[in-house]
Amino acid sequence: MRQTGVAYNLEEATAGICTQAIAIRGSTGALLAISVPVPTQRYWAIEDKITRVLLDVRKEALAALDPPSPTDSGHMSRIKESVSRTVK
């Protein structure tokens, strides 16, 4: 996880399930985690896409978790739009 920023669980916890996860710490110290469990038979075909999406979401979440400036109150709406676009 330290090299890529993404943690992998390849059927280590549950047979038939592979998971990727990221951790996000905002500037206030809040710690969040996002994980994507996928059945193993589908995982290998989309492994790279899951990694890209998680890293994109992490970047957007870090931007949204920073204290907003007085002129910018749209952080959360932008992250929701970004996640929606990326996942489709």
C-alpha atoms as a PDB file:
ATOM      1  CA  MET A   1       0.000   0.000   0.000  1.00  0.00           C
ATOM      2  CA  ARG A   2       2.823   2.432   0.702  1.00  0.00           C
ATOM      3  CA  GLN A   3       4.102   2.265  -2.875  1.00  0.00           C
ATOM      4  CA  THR A   4       0.783   2.632  -4.707  1.00  0.00           C
ATOM      5  CA  GLY A   5      -1.618   4.044  -2.119  1.00  0.00           C
ATOM      6  CA  VAL A   6      -3.936   1.092  -2.747  1.00  0.00           C
ATOM      7  CA  ALA A   7      -4.332  -1.971  -0.517  1.00  0.00           C
ATOM      8  CA  TYR A   8      -5.109  -5.354  -2.067  1.00  0.00           C
ATOM      9  CA  ASN A   9      -6.811  -8.384  -0.549  1.00  0.00           C
ATOM     10  CA  LEU A  10      -6.727 -11.227  -3.051  1.00  0.00           C
ATOM     11  CA  GLU A  11      -8.990 -13.850  -1.465  1.00  0.00           C
ATOM     12  CA  GLU A  12      -7.054 -13.578   1.809  1.00  0.00           C
ATOM     13  CA  ALA A  13     -10.120 -12.874   3.946  1.00  0.00           C
ATOM     14  CA  THR A  14     -12.860 -14.546   1.902  1.00  0.00           C
ATOM     15  CA  ALA A  15     -12.535 -17.180  -0.804  1.00  0.00           C
ATOM     16  CA  GLY A  16     -13.956 -15.908  -4.078  1.00  0.00           C
ATOM     17  CA  ILE A  17     -13.660 -12.208  -3.197  1.00  0.00           C
ATOM     18  CA  CYS A  18     -10.867  -9.793  -4.139  1.00  0.00           C
ATOM     19  CA  THR A  19     -10.819  -6.279  -2.695  1.00  0.00           C
ATOM     20  CA  GLN A  20      -8.967  -3.047  -3.297  1.00  0.00           C
ATOM     21  CA  ALA A  21      -9.078  -0.218  -0.760  1.00  0.00           C
ATOM     22  CA  ILE A  22      -7.735   3.253  -0.099  1.00  0.00           C
ATOM     23  CA  ALA A  23      -7.382   5.320   3.057  1.00  0.00           C
ATOM     24  CA  ILE A  24      -7.849   9.071   3.079  1.00  0.00           C
ATOM     25  CA  ARG A  25      -6.822  11.465   5.846  1.00  0.00           C
ATOM     26  CA  GLY A  26      -8.154  14.986   5.532  1.00  0.00           C
ATOM     27  CA  SER A  27      -6.440  18.101   6.781  1.00  0.00           C
ATOM     28  CA  THR A  28      -8.588  17.968   9.946  1.00  0.00           C
ATOM     29  CA  GLY A  29      -7.285  14.477  10.714  1.00  0.00           C
ATOM     30  CA  ALA A  30     -10.485  12.676   9.736  1.00  0.00           C
ATOM     31  CA  LEU A  31      -9.654   9.176   8.470  1.00  0.00           C
ATOM     32  CA  LEU A  32     -11.843   7.572   5.837  1.00  0.00           C
ATOM     33  CA  ALA A  33     -11.593   4.325   3.899  1.00  0.00           C
ATOM     34  CA  ILE A  34     -13.154   3.154   0.665  1.00  0.00           C
ATOM     35  CA  SER A  35     -13.088  -0.491  -0.378  1.00  0.00           C
ATOM     36  CA  VAL A  36     -14.278  -2.224  -3.527  1.00  0.00           C
ATOM     37  CA  PRO A  37     -14.990  -5.954  -3.107  1.00  0.00           C
ATOM     38  CA  VAL A  38     -15.455  -7.884  -6.367  1.00  0.00           C
ATOM     39  CA  PRO A  39     -16.056 -11.576  -7.090  1.00  0.00           C
ATOM     40  CA  THR A  40     -12.733 -13.114  -8.121  1.00  0.00           C
ATOM     41  CA  GLN A  41     -14.040 -14.312 -11.482  1.00  0.00           C
ATOM     42  CA  ARG A  42     -14.698 -10.662 -12.495  1.00  0.00           C
ATOM     43  CA  TYR A  43     -11.826  -9.019 -10.604  1.00  0.00           C
ATOM     44  CA  TRP A  44      -8.890  -9.766 -12.892  1.00  0.00           C
ATOM     45  CA  ALA A  45     -10.553  -8.214 -15.949  1.00  0.00           C
ATOM     46  CA  ILE A  46     -11.164  -4.911 -14.122  1.00  0.00           C
ATOM     47  CA  GLU A  47      -8.265  -4.760 -11.646  1.00  0.00           C
ATOM     48  CA  ASP A  48      -6.497  -1.835 -13.359  1.00  0.00           C
ATOM     49  CA  LYS A  49      -9.726   0.132 -13.749  1.00  0.00           C
ATOM     50  CA  ILE A  50     -10.551  -0.259 -10.051  1.00  0.00           C
ATOM     51  CA  THR A  51      -7.064   1.016  -9.157  1.00  0.00           C
ATOM     52  CA  ARG A  52      -7.428   4.058 -11.432  1.00  0.00           C
ATOM     53  CA  VAL A  53     -10.890   4.882 -10.085  1.00  0.00           C
ATOM     54  CA  LEU A  54      -9.784   4.576  -6.452  1.00  0.00           C
ATOM     55  CA  LEU A  55      -6.762   6.804  -7.009  1.00  0.00           C
ATOM     56  CA  ASP A  56      -8.941   9.380  -8.799  1.00  0.00           C
ATOM     57  CA  VAL A  57     -11.498   9.280  -5.989  1.00  0.00           C
ATOM     58  CA  ARG A  58      -8.726   9.642  -3.409  1.00  0.00           C
ATOM     59  CA  LYS A  59      -7.399  12.747  -5.159  1.00  0.00           C
ATOM     60  CA  GLU A  60     -10.883  14.295  -5.364  1.00  0.00           C
ATOM     61  CA  ALA A  61     -11.690  13.389  -1.750  1.00  0.00           C
ATOM     62  CA  LEU A  62      -8.489  14.984  -0.475  1.00  0.00           C
ATOM     63  CA  ALA A  63      -9.391  18.170  -2.324  1.00  0.00           C
ATOM     64  CA  ALA A  64     -12.916  18.076  -0.903  1.00  0.00           C
ATOM     65  CA  LEU A  65     -11.736  17.429   2.662  1.00  0.00           C
ATOM     66  CA  ASP A  66      -9.501  20.500   2.710  1.00  0.00           C
ATOM     67  CA  PRO A  67     -11.211  23.423   4.383  1.00  0.00           C
ATOM     68  CA  PRO A  68     -13.156  25.287   1.681  1.00  0.00           C
ATOM     69  CA  SER A  69     -12.149  28.809   0.840  1.00  0.00           C
ATOM     70  CA  PRO A  70     -14.740  31.540   1.361  1.00  0.00           C
ATOM     71  CA  THR A  71     -15.266  31.742  -2.414  1.00  0.00           C
ATOM     72  CA  ASP A  72     -15.590  27.996  -3.051  1.00  0.00           C
ATOM     73  CA  SER A  73     -18.407  26.050  -1.425  1.00  0.00           C
ATOM     74  CA  GLY A  74     -18.812  23.404  -4.146  1.00  0.00           C
ATOM     75  CA  HIS A  75     -16.189  20.831  -3.069  1.00  0.00           C
ATOM     76  CA  MET A  76     -18.648  18.028  -2.265  1.00  0.00           C
ATOM     77  CA  SER A  77     -20.799  18.507  -5.357  1.00  0.00           C
ATOM     78  CA  ARG A  78     -17.668  18.322  -7.528  1.00  0.00           C
ATOM     79  CA  ILE A  79     -16.480  15.100  -5.889  1.00  0.00           C
ATOM     80  CA  LYS A  80     -19.929  13.493  -6.318  1.00  0.00           C
ATOM     81  CA  GLU A  81     -19.929  14.468  -9.991  1.00  0.00           C
ATOM     82  CA  SER A  82     -16.406  13.123 -10.460  1.00  0.00           C
ATOM     83  CA  VAL A  83     -17.189   9.777  -8.809  1.00  0.00           C
ATOM     84  CA  SER A  84     -20.378   9.445 -10.833  1.00  0.00           C
ATOM     85  CA  ARG A  85     -18.539  10.117 -14.110  1.00  0.00           C
ATOM     86  CA  THR A  86     -15.664   7.773 -13.286  1.00  0.00           C
ATOM     87  CA  VAL A  87     -17.785   4.814 -12.171  1.00  0.00           C
ATOM     88  CA  LYS A  88     -20.057   4.895 -15.252  1.00  0.00           C
END
